Amino acid sequence: MEDSASPFVLDRPSNSGLQVLLHPLALLNMSDHYTRTSIQFPSENRFVLGALYGTQSGREVSIHTTFELLCVANKRIDGEYFLTKTEQMKQVFSDYDVLGWYLVSSNDLNEVDLSLHEQMQIFNENPLYLRLDPRALSVVTGTLPATIYDTETVPSDGKMVTRFATIPYTLETADAERIAVDHAAKLGVLGEHVPGEKDSALFTQITNQRGAVKMLRDRVYLLRQYVSAVKQGKLPPNAELLREIAGVLHRLPVIEQDDEWSQHYSQEQEDATLTAHLSTLTKAISNLHEASGMGRKGRAMGKRPMQGPSPHQPMRPRMQGGYRG
């Protein structure tokens, strides 16, 4: 996808000579970020922004993953949050560095894109800009709605200006990513069954929970409509039914302030994240221990069985160093 109609984009490719390799995990993270934001804020002007993380060797750049960024007033990147998140990512991916930033948007490139790009130059001298358009997906042609840009300084109307230039990229898939993508493709869209495929236990559980939440929402909406109609005098009040509705409401916890709910939600989110990290760490330690045990077992099987010395033959001393000149 190229946004050549925008005056902020050059009508030619970049002269940087970079070879960019884009991994599916980065696209999955961006898509997940956009989906969650769309569900949480369906009617607001969503701003889905994040950083690109990966490796660079010479002119070859590999975008492996991403992490989300926060914006403060006037579309300014939260620098403190960015540095904190970078330090956390560095603890997990010690070989990765910040390569640039991404934005999920269907609008034409404008001054906001240039402003954000200039802000990212504080953390990376020559950042890449990966832009994902959620409305430009073409199932027929199979082209990805993603474009990668860098910036060039060119003359315009007697002065030098900064403009975006597209960079071609190649999809690079590791074995682990290929397995994950194939699994996600087989499951299809959440809530839709793919004939001939066995649903995983997690998929079945999530589907059941989704159906239960949808049913609960529909029932609550129906009760709300009834109470509203009684309040407006459109329906006669039913004392028994109203008491049952009041009983349902009294079962819900009362939260007086939004800050209390946000704090409780953040605590639960941190606990869940910590549990997931501990589970991953435990599994990694178990795999490492198992691999170490297999190595020792293999070395033991490769040795000949030890035989005791003959009573007529003295024991020969072992040579040190393993090499004789």
Foldseek 3Di string as FASTA:
>chain_A
DDQCVDPQEDPAADPLLAEEEEEVQAVVVQVVQVVVQCVVCVPDDDKWKWWFKFADDPRYTYGDHIDTWDADPPRHTPPVVVVVVQVVVCVVVVRMATQAMEIEEQDRDDVSVVVVRVNCCVRPVWHKYKYAYPVPDDPVVRDGRIWIWTWDWDDDPRDTDIGIHTDDYHYDYDPVSVVVVVVDVQCPDQLDHDPPDDDDPVSVVVNVVVVVVVVVVVVVVVVVVVVVCCVVVNDPDDVVVVVVVVVVVVVDDDDDDPVVVVVVVVVVVVVVVVVVVVVVVVVVVVVVVVVVVVVVVVVVVPDDDDDDDDPVDDDDDDDPPPDDD
